[in-house]
Amino acid sequence: MTPSAFYALLILGSYLIGSISFAVVVSKAMRLPDPHTYGSGNPGATNVLRTGNKLAAVLTLLGDALKGYAALFLAKALIGVEVDSWVLPAVAVAAFLGHLFPVFHGFKGGKGVATALGILLGIDAWLGLATLSTWLIVAFFMRYSSLAALISALFAPLYFIFLFGMQPMALAIALMSVLLILRHTANIKKLLDGTEGRIGAKK
């Protein structure tokens, strides 16, 4: 097998890993409704939490983050390259696209927050922790999960550039950030209208 063919299979494999929707998998395993059929229809931890099953939501969150981390971890282990290679950025984007447009679930995926965090942690632990810290700070003070995700998405490429300089991975992270922001279009409208739900607020 040529290196190009191997890299292509690696990128495809990353997309397939990302395509595993843990919201759907966990819901089926715990005999909960399909997350596409209630609430926001988004197959993510926040929507799964609407069932009242906190364990299912936590497992969904961890699973979606772990698959992003696993895709980068496996790629780095198999090809043994640093973050300045074009292959790892492609793997990162492929795993993220898998979550957004999962082939196993009719291409109806989530917003990508947990998976993006897992990918960032897989790229570099400090990068992931810096982005997670941004989410926690914004969420704590502003009490908007969506706003925390949006601001974290804006800062993630900047954190990478600060840590490693302008490399191909910075462009990959910027692309993921743009896609994540686009997936939050409805949330942005609610934030502007003042109708977005706050963390911990009663319905």
N, C-alpha and C. Protein backbone atom coordinates (compact mmCIF):
# COMPACT_ATOMS: atom_id res chain seq x y z
N MET A 1 0.84 -1.20 0.00
CA MET A 1 0.00 0.00 0.00
C MET A 1 0.88 1.25 0.00
N THR A 2 0.56 2.17 -0.87
CA THR A 2 1.32 3.41 -0.95
C THR A 2 1.00 4.30 0.25
N PRO A 3 1.91 5.21 0.62
CA PRO A 3 1.61 6.14 1.72
C PRO A 3 0.34 6.93 1.49
N SER A 4 0.10 7.37 0.26
CA SER A 4 -1.09 8.16 -0.03
C SER A 4 -2.37 7.36 0.22
N ALA A 5 -2.35 6.09 -0.17
CA ALA A 5 -3.51 5.24 0.05
C ALA A 5 -3.72 5.00 1.54
N PHE A 6 -2.63 4.82 2.26
CA PHE A 6 -2.73 4.62 3.71
C PHE A 6 -3.30 5.86 4.39
N TYR A 7 -2.82 7.03 3.98
CA TYR A 7 -3.32 8.27 4.57
C TYR A 7 -4.81 8.45 4.26
N ALA A 8 -5.20 8.10 3.04
CA ALA A 8 -6.61 8.21 2.65
C ALA A 8 -7.49 7.30 3.52
N LEU A 9 -7.02 6.08 3.77
CA LEU A 9 -7.76 5.16 4.63
C LEU A 9 -7.81 5.68 6.07
N LEU A 10 -6.72 6.29 6.50
CA LEU A 10 -6.67 6.83 7.85
C LEU A 10 -7.68 7.97 8.02
N ILE A 11 -7.76 8.83 7.02
CA ILE A 11 -8.71 9.95 7.05
C ILE A 11 -10.14 9.42 7.00
N LEU A 12 -10.38 8.41 6.13
CA LEU A 12 -11.71 7.80 6.06
C LEU A 12 -12.08 7.15 7.39
N GLY A 13 -11.11 6.45 7.98
CA GLY A 13 -11.36 5.82 9.27
C GLY A 13 -11.70 6.84 10.35
N SER A 14 -11.06 7.99 10.30
CA SER A 14 -11.35 9.06 11.27
C SER A 14 -12.76 9.58 11.09
N TYR A 15 -13.17 9.71 9.83
CA TYR A 15 -14.55 10.14 9.56
C TYR A 15 -15.54 9.12 10.13
N LEU A 16 -15.26 7.83 9.94
CA LEU A 16 -16.16 6.79 10.44
C LEU A 16 -16.21 6.77 11.96
N ILE A 17 -15.06 7.01 12.60
CA ILE A 17 -15.05 7.11 14.07
C ILE A 17 -15.92 8.27 14.52
N GLY A 18 -15.76 9.41 13.85
CA GLY A 18 -16.56 10.57 14.18
C GLY A 18 -18.04 10.36 13.92
N SER A 19 -18.38 9.45 13.01
CA SER A 19 -19.77 9.20 12.64
C SER A 19 -20.55 8.40 13.68
N ILE A 20 -19.85 7.89 14.69
CA ILE A 20 -20.55 7.16 15.76
C ILE A 20 -21.22 8.18 16.67
N SER A 21 -22.53 8.25 16.62
CA SER A 21 -23.28 9.20 17.44
C SER A 21 -23.59 8.57 18.79
N PHE A 22 -22.87 9.00 19.81
CA PHE A 22 -23.07 8.39 21.12
C PHE A 22 -24.41 8.77 21.73
N ALA A 23 -25.01 9.86 21.28
CA ALA A 23 -26.35 10.20 21.74
C ALA A 23 -27.33 9.11 21.33
N VAL A 24 -27.17 8.62 20.10
CA VAL A 24 -28.04 7.56 19.59
C VAL A 24 -27.68 6.22 20.22
N VAL A 25 -26.39 5.92 20.29
CA VAL A 25 -25.93 4.65 20.84
C VAL A 25 -26.33 4.50 22.30
N VAL A 26 -26.06 5.53 23.09
CA VAL A 26 -26.39 5.48 24.52
C VAL A 26 -27.90 5.42 24.72
N SER A 27 -28.65 6.18 23.94
CA SER A 27 -30.10 6.18 24.07
C SER A 27 -30.68 4.80 23.77
N LYS A 28 -30.16 4.15 22.72
CA LYS A 28 -30.64 2.81 22.41
C LYS A 28 -30.29 1.82 23.51
N ALA A 29 -29.05 1.92 24.00
CA ALA A 29 -28.59 1.00 25.05
C ALA A 29 -29.39 1.16 26.34
N MET A 30 -29.84 2.39 26.63
CA MET A 30 -30.56 2.67 27.86
C MET A 30 -32.07 2.78 27.64
N ARG A 31 -32.50 2.37 26.44
CA ARG A 31 -33.93 2.34 26.09
C ARG A 31 -34.60 3.70 26.25
N LEU A 32 -33.91 4.71 25.75
CA LEU A 32 -34.44 6.06 25.72
C LEU A 32 -34.87 6.40 24.30
N PRO A 33 -35.70 7.42 24.12
CA PRO A 33 -36.11 7.81 22.76
C PRO A 33 -34.93 8.27 21.92
N ASP A 34 -35.07 8.13 20.62
CA ASP A 34 -34.06 8.63 19.69
C ASP A 34 -33.95 10.14 19.88
N PRO A 35 -32.75 10.66 20.13
CA PRO A 35 -32.60 12.10 20.39
C PRO A 35 -33.02 12.99 19.22
N HIS A 36 -33.16 12.41 18.03
CA HIS A 36 -33.63 13.19 16.89
C HIS A 36 -35.12 13.50 16.97
N THR A 37 -35.83 12.81 17.88
CA THR A 37 -37.29 12.88 17.89
C THR A 37 -37.88 13.77 18.97
N TYR A 38 -37.06 14.43 19.77
CA TYR A 38 -37.59 15.28 20.82
C TYR A 38 -36.67 16.48 21.06
N GLY A 39 -37.17 17.43 21.85
CA GLY A 39 -36.36 18.61 22.17
C GLY A 39 -35.92 19.35 20.93
N SER A 40 -34.62 19.65 20.88
CA SER A 40 -34.06 20.37 19.73
C SER A 40 -33.81 19.45 18.54
N GLY A 41 -33.90 18.14 18.76
CA GLY A 41 -33.60 17.19 17.70
C GLY A 41 -32.12 16.99 17.50
N ASN A 42 -31.32 17.66 18.31
CA ASN A 42 -29.87 17.57 18.18
C ASN A 42 -29.35 16.35 18.94
N PRO A 43 -28.60 15.46 18.27
CA PRO A 43 -28.06 14.29 18.95
C PRO A 43 -26.80 14.64 19.76
N GLY A 44 -27.03 15.30 20.88
CA GLY A 44 -25.94 15.69 21.75
C GLY A 44 -26.32 15.52 23.20
N ALA A 45 -25.35 15.76 24.09
CA ALA A 45 -25.56 15.52 25.52
C ALA A 45 -26.65 16.41 26.10
N THR A 46 -26.71 17.68 25.65
CA THR A 46 -27.71 18.61 26.19
C THR A 46 -29.12 18.13 25.88
N ASN A 47 -29.33 17.66 24.66
CA ASN A 47 -30.67 17.17 24.29
C ASN A 47 -31.00 15.88 25.01
N VAL A 48 -30.02 14.99 25.14
CA VAL A 48 -30.25 13.73 25.87
C VAL A 48 -30.63 14.02 27.32
N LEU A 49 -30.06 15.08 27.88
CA LEU A 49 -30.38 15.46 29.26
C LEU A 49 -31.86 15.80 29.42
N ARG A 50 -32.51 16.18 28.34
CA ARG A 50 -33.94 16.52 28.40
C ARG A 50 -34.80 15.31 28.76
N THR A 51 -34.25 14.11 28.64
CA THR A 51 -35.00 12.92 29.04
C THR A 51 -35.03 12.79 30.56
N GLY A 52 -34.18 13.56 31.25
CA GLY A 52 -34.08 13.46 32.70
C GLY A 52 -33.05 12.45 33.15
N ASN A 53 -32.41 11.78 32.19
CA ASN A 53 -31.41 10.77 32.52
C ASN A 53 -30.02 11.40 32.46
N LYS A 54 -29.52 11.80 33.62
CA LYS A 54 -28.22 12.48 33.69
C LYS A 54 -27.07 11.56 33.29
N LEU A 55 -27.17 10.27 33.65
CA LEU A 55 -26.11 9.33 33.30
C LEU A 55 -25.98 9.21 31.78
N ALA A 56 -27.11 9.14 31.10
CA ALA A 56 -27.09 9.04 29.64
C ALA A 56 -26.45 10.28 29.02
N ALA A 57 -26.73 11.44 29.59
CA ALA A 57 -26.15 12.69 29.07
C ALA A 57 -24.65 12.71 29.28
N VAL A 58 -24.20 12.27 30.46
CA VAL A 58 -22.77 12.25 30.76
C VAL A 58 -22.04 11.26 29.84
N LEU A 59 -22.64 10.09 29.63
CA LEU A 59 -22.03 9.08 28.75
C LEU A 59 -21.96 9.58 27.31
N THR A 60 -22.98 10.30 26.90
CA THR A 60 -22.98 10.89 25.55
C THR A 60 -21.86 11.91 25.42
N LEU A 61 -21.73 12.77 26.42
CA LEU A 61 -20.68 13.79 26.41
C LEU A 61 -19.30 13.16 26.35
N LEU A 62 -19.07 12.17 27.21
CA LEU A 62 -17.76 11.52 27.26
C LEU A 62 -17.48 10.75 25.97
N GLY A 63 -18.49 10.07 25.45
CA GLY A 63 -18.31 9.30 24.23
C GLY A 63 -17.97 10.18 23.04
N ASP A 64 -18.69 11.29 22.90
CA ASP A 64 -18.43 12.20 21.78
C ASP A 64 -17.05 12.84 21.88
N ALA A 65 -16.63 13.14 23.11
CA ALA A 65 -15.29 13.71 23.28
C ALA A 65 -14.22 12.65 23.03
N LEU A 66 -14.47 11.44 23.52
CA LEU A 66 -13.48 10.38 23.38
C LEU A 66 -13.23 10.00 21.93
N LYS A 67 -14.29 10.01 21.11
CA LYS A 67 -14.08 9.62 19.71
C LYS A 67 -13.20 10.65 18.99
N GLY A 68 -13.36 11.93 19.33
CA GLY A 68 -12.49 12.94 18.74
C GLY A 68 -11.05 12.75 19.16
N TYR A 69 -10.86 12.47 20.45
CA TYR A 69 -9.52 12.23 20.97
C TYR A 69 -8.92 10.98 20.34
N ALA A 70 -9.73 9.92 20.24
CA ALA A 70 -9.24 8.64 19.71
C ALA A 70 -8.77 8.77 18.27
N ALA A 71 -9.49 9.53 17.45
CA ALA A 71 -9.11 9.70 16.05
C ALA A 71 -7.72 10.31 15.94
N LEU A 72 -7.45 11.35 16.73
CA LEU A 72 -6.13 11.99 16.69
C LEU A 72 -5.06 11.12 17.32
N PHE A 73 -5.40 10.46 18.42
CA PHE A 73 -4.44 9.60 19.10
C PHE A 73 -3.99 8.47 18.19
N LEU A 74 -4.93 7.82 17.53
CA LEU A 74 -4.60 6.70 16.63
C LEU A 74 -3.77 7.17 15.45
N ALA A 75 -4.14 8.33 14.89
CA ALA A 75 -3.40 8.85 13.75
C ALA A 75 -1.96 9.16 14.13
N LYS A 76 -1.77 9.80 15.27
CA LYS A 76 -0.42 10.14 15.72
C LYS A 76 0.38 8.87 16.03
N ALA A 77 -0.29 7.86 16.56
CA ALA A 77 0.40 6.61 16.87
C ALA A 77 0.80 5.86 15.61
N LEU A 78 -0.03 5.93 14.58
CA LEU A 78 0.22 5.16 13.36
C LEU A 78 1.22 5.82 12.42
N ILE A 79 1.18 7.14 12.34
CA ILE A 79 2.06 7.80 11.38
C ILE A 79 3.22 8.53 12.05
N GLY A 80 3.13 8.73 13.37
CA GLY A 80 4.25 9.28 14.12
C GLY A 80 4.74 10.62 13.64
N VAL A 81 3.79 11.54 13.36
CA VAL A 81 4.19 12.87 12.89
C VAL A 81 3.74 13.91 13.89
N GLU A 82 4.31 15.10 13.74
CA GLU A 82 3.95 16.21 14.60
C GLU A 82 2.77 16.97 14.01
N VAL A 83 2.31 17.98 14.74
CA VAL A 83 1.11 18.69 14.33
C VAL A 83 1.29 19.54 13.08
N ASP A 84 2.51 19.67 12.56
CA ASP A 84 2.69 20.47 11.35
C ASP A 84 2.48 19.67 10.07
N SER A 85 2.16 18.38 10.17
CA SER A 85 1.88 17.56 9.00
C SER A 85 0.48 17.85 8.48
N TRP A 86 0.26 17.73 7.16
CA TRP A 86 -1.06 17.95 6.58
C TRP A 86 -2.00 16.80 6.92
N VAL A 87 -1.46 15.64 7.27
CA VAL A 87 -2.31 14.47 7.52
C VAL A 87 -3.14 14.66 8.78
N LEU A 88 -2.52 15.10 9.85
CA LEU A 88 -3.26 15.26 11.11
C LEU A 88 -4.37 16.31 11.00
N PRO A 89 -4.14 17.45 10.35
CA PRO A 89 -5.25 18.37 10.15
C PRO A 89 -6.41 17.75 9.38
N ALA A 90 -6.08 16.94 8.38
CA ALA A 90 -7.13 16.26 7.62
C ALA A 90 -7.88 15.26 8.48
N VAL A 91 -7.15 14.56 9.33
CA VAL A 91 -7.78 13.61 10.26
C VAL A 91 -8.71 14.34 11.22
N ALA A 92 -8.26 15.47 11.74
CA ALA A 92 -9.06 16.25 12.68
C ALA A 92 -10.37 16.71 12.03
N VAL A 93 -10.26 17.27 10.84
CA VAL A 93 -11.46 17.76 10.14
C VAL A 93 -12.39 16.60 9.78
N ALA A 94 -11.81 15.47 9.38
CA ALA A 94 -12.63 14.32 9.01
C ALA A 94 -13.42 13.80 10.20
N ALA A 95 -12.78 13.71 11.36
CA ALA A 95 -13.48 13.24 12.56
C ALA A 95 -14.60 14.20 12.94
N PHE A 96 -14.35 15.49 12.80
CA PHE A 96 -15.35 16.50 13.13
C PHE A 96 -16.53 16.44 12.16
N LEU A 97 -16.22 16.31 10.87
CA LEU A 97 -17.27 16.18 9.86
C LEU A 97 -18.09 14.92 10.09
N GLY A 98 -17.43 13.87 10.58
CA GLY A 98 -18.15 12.65 10.89
C GLY A 98 -19.22 12.88 11.93
N HIS A 99 -18.89 13.68 12.94
CA HIS A 99 -19.88 13.99 13.98
C HIS A 99 -21.02 14.85 13.44
N LEU A 100 -20.67 15.84 12.61
CA LEU A 100 -21.70 16.73 12.06
C LEU A 100 -22.59 16.03 11.05
N PHE A 101 -21.97 15.17 10.24
CA PHE A 101 -22.70 14.48 9.16
C PHE A 101 -22.40 12.98 9.21
N PRO A 102 -22.93 12.29 10.21
CA PRO A 102 -22.59 10.87 10.41
C PRO A 102 -23.25 9.94 9.39
N VAL A 103 -22.45 9.18 8.71
CA VAL A 103 -22.96 8.26 7.69
C VAL A 103 -23.84 7.17 8.31
N PHE A 104 -23.60 6.84 9.57
CA PHE A 104 -24.37 5.79 10.23
C PHE A 104 -25.75 6.26 10.69
N HIS A 105 -26.00 7.55 10.66
CA HIS A 105 -27.24 8.09 11.22
C HIS A 105 -27.90 9.08 10.27
N GLY A 106 -27.87 8.74 8.99
CA GLY A 106 -28.56 9.57 8.00
C GLY A 106 -27.99 10.96 7.84
N PHE A 107 -26.71 11.13 8.18
CA PHE A 107 -26.00 12.41 8.06
C PHE A 107 -26.64 13.51 8.94
N LYS A 108 -27.36 13.09 9.98
CA LYS A 108 -27.98 14.03 10.91
C LYS A 108 -27.19 14.00 12.22
N GLY A 109 -26.22 14.90 12.33
CA GLY A 109 -25.33 14.90 13.48
C GLY A 109 -25.56 16.05 14.43
N GLY A 110 -24.65 16.16 15.40
CA GLY A 110 -24.77 17.17 16.44
C GLY A 110 -24.03 18.45 16.09
N LYS A 111 -23.84 19.28 17.11
CA LYS A 111 -23.22 20.58 16.91
C LYS A 111 -21.70 20.53 17.03
N GLY A 112 -21.18 19.48 17.65
CA GLY A 112 -19.74 19.25 17.61
C GLY A 112 -18.91 19.78 18.76
N VAL A 113 -19.54 20.27 19.82
CA VAL A 113 -18.76 20.88 20.90
C VAL A 113 -17.88 19.85 21.61
N ALA A 114 -18.47 18.75 22.06
CA ALA A 114 -17.70 17.74 22.78
C ALA A 114 -16.65 17.09 21.88
N THR A 115 -17.03 16.81 20.65
CA THR A 115 -16.08 16.18 19.72
C THR A 115 -14.92 17.12 19.41
N ALA A 116 -15.21 18.40 19.25
CA ALA A 116 -14.15 19.37 19.01
C ALA A 116 -13.18 19.41 20.19
N LEU A 117 -13.71 19.35 21.41
CA LEU A 117 -12.83 19.34 22.58
C LEU A 117 -11.95 18.11 22.58
N GLY A 118 -12.51 16.96 22.27
CA GLY A 118 -11.71 15.74 22.21
C GLY A 118 -10.61 15.83 21.18
N ILE A 119 -10.93 16.42 20.03
CA ILE A 119 -9.93 16.60 18.97
C ILE A 119 -8.81 17.52 19.44
N LEU A 120 -9.18 18.62 20.09
CA LEU A 120 -8.17 19.56 20.58
C LEU A 120 -7.27 18.91 21.63
N LEU A 121 -7.85 18.11 22.51
CA LEU A 121 -7.05 17.39 23.50
C LEU A 121 -6.13 16.38 22.82
N GLY A 122 -6.62 15.78 21.72
CA GLY A 122 -5.81 14.83 20.97
C GLY A 122 -4.65 15.51 20.25
N ILE A 123 -4.85 16.74 19.83
CA ILE A 123 -3.78 17.51 19.20
C ILE A 123 -2.71 17.87 20.22
N ASP A 124 -3.17 18.43 21.34
CA ASP A 124 -2.25 18.83 22.41
C ASP A 124 -3.07 19.06 23.68
N ALA A 125 -2.60 18.51 24.79
CA ALA A 125 -3.35 18.60 26.05
C ALA A 125 -3.53 20.05 26.48
N TRP A 126 -2.48 20.88 26.36
CA TRP A 126 -2.58 22.28 26.78
C TRP A 126 -3.57 23.06 25.93
N LEU A 127 -3.59 22.74 24.65
CA LEU A 127 -4.54 23.38 23.75
C LEU A 127 -5.97 23.05 24.17
N GLY A 128 -6.22 21.77 24.44
CA GLY A 128 -7.55 21.35 24.87
C GLY A 128 -7.95 21.95 26.19
N LEU A 129 -7.02 21.98 27.13
CA LEU A 129 -7.32 22.52 28.46
C LEU A 129 -7.57 24.03 28.41
N ALA A 130 -6.82 24.74 27.57
CA ALA A 130 -7.03 26.18 27.44
C ALA A 130 -8.42 26.47 26.88
N THR A 131 -8.83 25.70 25.89
CA THR A 131 -10.15 25.88 25.29
C THR A 131 -11.25 25.50 26.28
N LEU A 132 -11.05 24.39 26.99
CA LEU A 132 -12.02 23.98 28.00
C LEU A 132 -12.15 25.03 29.10
N SER A 133 -11.03 25.59 29.52
CA SER A 133 -11.05 26.63 30.55
C SER A 133 -11.85 27.85 30.08
N THR A 134 -11.71 28.19 28.81
CA THR A 134 -12.48 29.31 28.26
C THR A 134 -13.97 29.01 28.34
N TRP A 135 -14.35 27.78 27.97
CA TRP A 135 -15.77 27.39 28.05
C TRP A 135 -16.27 27.49 29.48
N LEU A 136 -15.49 26.98 30.42
CA LEU A 136 -15.92 26.97 31.82
C LEU A 136 -16.07 28.39 32.38
N ILE A 137 -15.14 29.27 32.04
CA ILE A 137 -15.19 30.64 32.55
C ILE A 137 -16.42 31.37 32.01
N VAL A 138 -16.64 31.27 30.69
CA VAL A 138 -17.80 31.94 30.09
C VAL A 138 -19.10 31.34 30.61
N ALA A 139 -19.15 30.02 30.70
CA ALA A 139 -20.36 29.37 31.19
C ALA A 139 -20.65 29.73 32.63
N PHE A 140 -19.61 29.86 33.45
CA PHE A 140 -19.80 30.18 34.86
C PHE A 140 -20.34 31.60 35.05
N PHE A 141 -19.75 32.55 34.32
CA PHE A 141 -20.14 33.94 34.52
C PHE A 141 -21.38 34.35 33.72
N MET A 142 -21.52 33.81 32.52
CA MET A 142 -22.63 34.21 31.66
C MET A 142 -23.80 33.24 31.71
N ARG A 143 -23.52 31.99 32.10
CA ARG A 143 -24.54 30.94 32.24
C ARG A 143 -25.25 30.60 30.93
N TYR A 144 -24.53 30.75 29.83
CA TYR A 144 -25.04 30.33 28.53
C TYR A 144 -24.09 29.29 27.96
N SER A 145 -24.55 28.06 27.83
CA SER A 145 -23.70 27.01 27.28
C SER A 145 -23.32 27.31 25.83
N SER A 146 -24.30 27.78 25.05
CA SER A 146 -24.04 28.06 23.64
C SER A 146 -23.04 29.20 23.48
N LEU A 147 -23.17 30.24 24.28
CA LEU A 147 -22.23 31.37 24.20
C LEU A 147 -20.82 30.91 24.58
N ALA A 148 -20.73 30.06 25.58
CA ALA A 148 -19.42 29.53 25.98
C ALA A 148 -18.80 28.74 24.83
N ALA A 149 -19.62 27.97 24.13
CA ALA A 149 -19.11 27.19 23.00
C ALA A 149 -18.66 28.09 21.86
N LEU A 150 -19.43 29.14 21.59
CA LEU A 150 -19.09 30.06 20.50
C LEU A 150 -17.80 30.81 20.78
N ILE A 151 -17.64 31.31 21.99
CA ILE A 151 -16.42 32.05 22.34
C ILE A 151 -15.21 31.11 22.35
N SER A 152 -15.40 29.90 22.85
CA SER A 152 -14.31 28.92 22.84
C SER A 152 -13.89 28.59 21.42
N ALA A 153 -14.86 28.50 20.51
CA ALA A 153 -14.55 28.22 19.11
C ALA A 153 -13.74 29.35 18.50
N LEU A 154 -14.02 30.57 18.88
CA LEU A 154 -13.27 31.71 18.36
C LEU A 154 -11.83 31.72 18.87
N PHE A 155 -11.65 31.30 20.12
CA PHE A 155 -10.33 31.36 20.73
C PHE A 155 -9.45 30.15 20.38
N ALA A 156 -10.04 29.01 20.08
CA ALA A 156 -9.26 27.79 19.85
C ALA A 156 -8.16 27.95 18.80
N PRO A 157 -8.45 28.52 17.60
CA PRO A 157 -7.36 28.70 16.63
C PRO A 157 -6.28 29.65 17.13
N LEU A 158 -6.68 30.66 17.88
CA LEU A 158 -5.70 31.61 18.42
C LEU A 158 -4.79 30.94 19.44
N TYR A 159 -5.37 30.08 20.27
CA TYR A 159 -4.56 29.34 21.24
C TYR A 159 -3.53 28.48 20.52
N PHE A 160 -3.97 27.83 19.44
CA PHE A 160 -3.04 26.97 18.70
C PHE A 160 -1.89 27.79 18.12
N ILE A 161 -2.23 28.92 17.50
CA ILE A 161 -1.19 29.77 16.90
C ILE A 161 -0.23 30.28 17.97
N PHE A 162 -0.76 30.62 19.13
CA PHE A 162 0.10 31.07 20.24
C PHE A 162 1.06 29.97 20.68
N LEU A 163 0.56 28.72 20.71
CA LEU A 163 1.38 27.60 21.18
C LEU A 163 2.36 27.08 20.12
N PHE A 164 1.90 27.04 18.86
CA PHE A 164 2.69 26.36 17.83
C PHE A 164 3.00 27.21 16.59
N GLY A 165 2.44 28.40 16.51
CA GLY A 165 2.65 29.21 15.33
C GLY A 165 1.65 28.86 14.23
N MET A 166 1.77 29.54 13.10
CA MET A 166 0.86 29.32 11.99
C MET A 166 1.26 28.06 11.23
N GLN A 167 0.46 27.02 11.40
CA GLN A 167 0.70 25.73 10.76
C GLN A 167 -0.60 25.24 10.14
N PRO A 168 -0.55 24.20 9.32
CA PRO A 168 -1.77 23.68 8.71
C PRO A 168 -2.88 23.34 9.71
N MET A 169 -2.49 22.87 10.89
CA MET A 169 -3.49 22.52 11.89
C MET A 169 -4.29 23.74 12.34
N ALA A 170 -3.67 24.92 12.34
CA ALA A 170 -4.39 26.14 12.72
C ALA A 170 -5.56 26.39 11.77
N LEU A 171 -5.33 26.14 10.48
CA LEU A 171 -6.39 26.31 9.49
C LEU A 171 -7.49 25.27 9.70
N ALA A 172 -7.08 24.05 10.06
CA ALA A 172 -8.07 22.99 10.31
C ALA A 172 -8.94 23.35 11.50
N ILE A 173 -8.33 23.86 12.56
CA ILE A 173 -9.09 24.24 13.75
C ILE A 173 -10.00 25.43 13.43
N ALA A 174 -9.51 26.36 12.62
CA ALA A 174 -10.34 27.50 12.23
C ALA A 174 -11.56 27.04 11.44
N LEU A 175 -11.36 26.06 10.55
CA LEU A 175 -12.47 25.51 9.78
C LEU A 175 -13.49 24.84 10.70
N MET A 176 -13.01 24.07 11.66
CA MET A 176 -13.92 23.43 12.61
C MET A 176 -14.68 24.47 13.42
N SER A 177 -14.00 25.55 13.78
CA SER A 177 -14.65 26.61 14.54
C SER A 177 -15.76 27.26 13.73
N VAL A 178 -15.51 27.50 12.45
CA VAL A 178 -16.54 28.09 11.58
C VAL A 178 -17.74 27.16 11.48
N LEU A 179 -17.48 25.88 11.29
CA LEU A 179 -18.58 24.90 11.18
C LEU A 179 -19.37 24.83 12.48
N LEU A 180 -18.66 24.85 13.60
CA LEU A 180 -19.33 24.80 14.90
C LEU A 180 -20.22 26.03 15.09
N ILE A 181 -19.72 27.19 14.71
CA ILE A 181 -20.50 28.42 14.84
C ILE A 181 -21.75 28.36 13.95
N LEU A 182 -21.59 27.84 12.73
CA LEU A 182 -22.72 27.71 11.82
C LEU A 182 -23.78 26.77 12.39
N ARG A 183 -23.34 25.73 13.11
CA ARG A 183 -24.29 24.79 13.71
C ARG A 183 -25.06 25.42 14.87
N HIS A 184 -24.55 26.54 15.35
CA HIS A 184 -25.20 27.25 16.46
C HIS A 184 -26.01 28.46 15.99
N THR A 185 -26.37 28.48 14.72
CA THR A 185 -27.10 29.63 14.18
C THR A 185 -28.38 29.92 14.96
N ALA A 186 -29.14 28.86 15.26
CA ALA A 186 -30.39 29.05 16.02
C ALA A 186 -30.11 29.59 17.41
N ASN A 187 -29.03 29.11 18.03
CA ASN A 187 -28.67 29.60 19.37
C ASN A 187 -28.25 31.06 19.33
N ILE A 188 -27.53 31.45 18.28
CA ILE A 188 -27.12 32.84 18.13
C ILE A 188 -28.34 33.75 18.04
N LYS A 189 -29.34 33.32 17.27
CA LYS A 189 -30.57 34.11 17.15
C LYS A 189 -31.26 34.25 18.51
N LYS A 190 -31.29 33.15 19.27
CA LYS A 190 -31.92 33.20 20.59
C LYS A 190 -31.14 34.09 21.54
N LEU A 191 -29.81 34.06 21.44
CA LEU A 191 -28.99 34.93 22.28
C LEU A 191 -29.28 36.40 21.97
N LEU A 192 -29.40 36.72 20.69
CA LEU A 192 -29.68 38.10 20.28
C LEU A 192 -31.09 38.53 20.69
N ASP A 193 -32.02 37.55 20.68
CA ASP A 193 -33.40 37.85 21.05
C ASP A 193 -33.63 37.83 22.56
N GLY A 194 -32.62 37.33 23.30
CA GLY A 194 -32.76 37.22 24.75
C GLY A 194 -33.61 36.05 25.18
N THR A 195 -33.76 35.05 24.31
CA THR A 195 -34.61 33.90 24.63
C THR A 195 -33.81 32.61 24.86
N GLU A 196 -32.52 32.69 24.79
CA GLU A 196 -31.69 31.50 24.99
C GLU A 196 -31.73 31.09 26.47
N GLY A 197 -31.89 29.80 26.70
CA GLY A 197 -31.96 29.30 28.06
C GLY A 197 -30.61 29.36 28.76
N ARG A 198 -30.64 29.73 30.02
CA ARG A 198 -29.41 29.79 30.81
C ARG A 198 -29.16 28.46 31.50
N ILE A 199 -27.91 28.19 31.79
CA ILE A 199 -27.53 26.98 32.52
C ILE A 199 -28.16 27.02 33.91
N GLY A 200 -28.86 25.97 34.28
CA GLY A 200 -29.46 25.88 35.60
C GLY A 200 -30.80 26.55 35.74
N ALA A 201 -31.24 27.23 34.65
CA ALA A 201 -32.55 27.91 34.73
C ALA A 201 -33.67 26.90 34.63
N LYS A 202 -34.74 27.13 35.38
CA LYS A 202 -35.91 26.24 35.34
C LYS A 202 -36.72 26.56 34.10
N LYS A 203 -37.25 25.47 33.53
CA LYS A 203 -38.08 25.65 32.33
C LYS A 203 -39.42 26.29 32.72
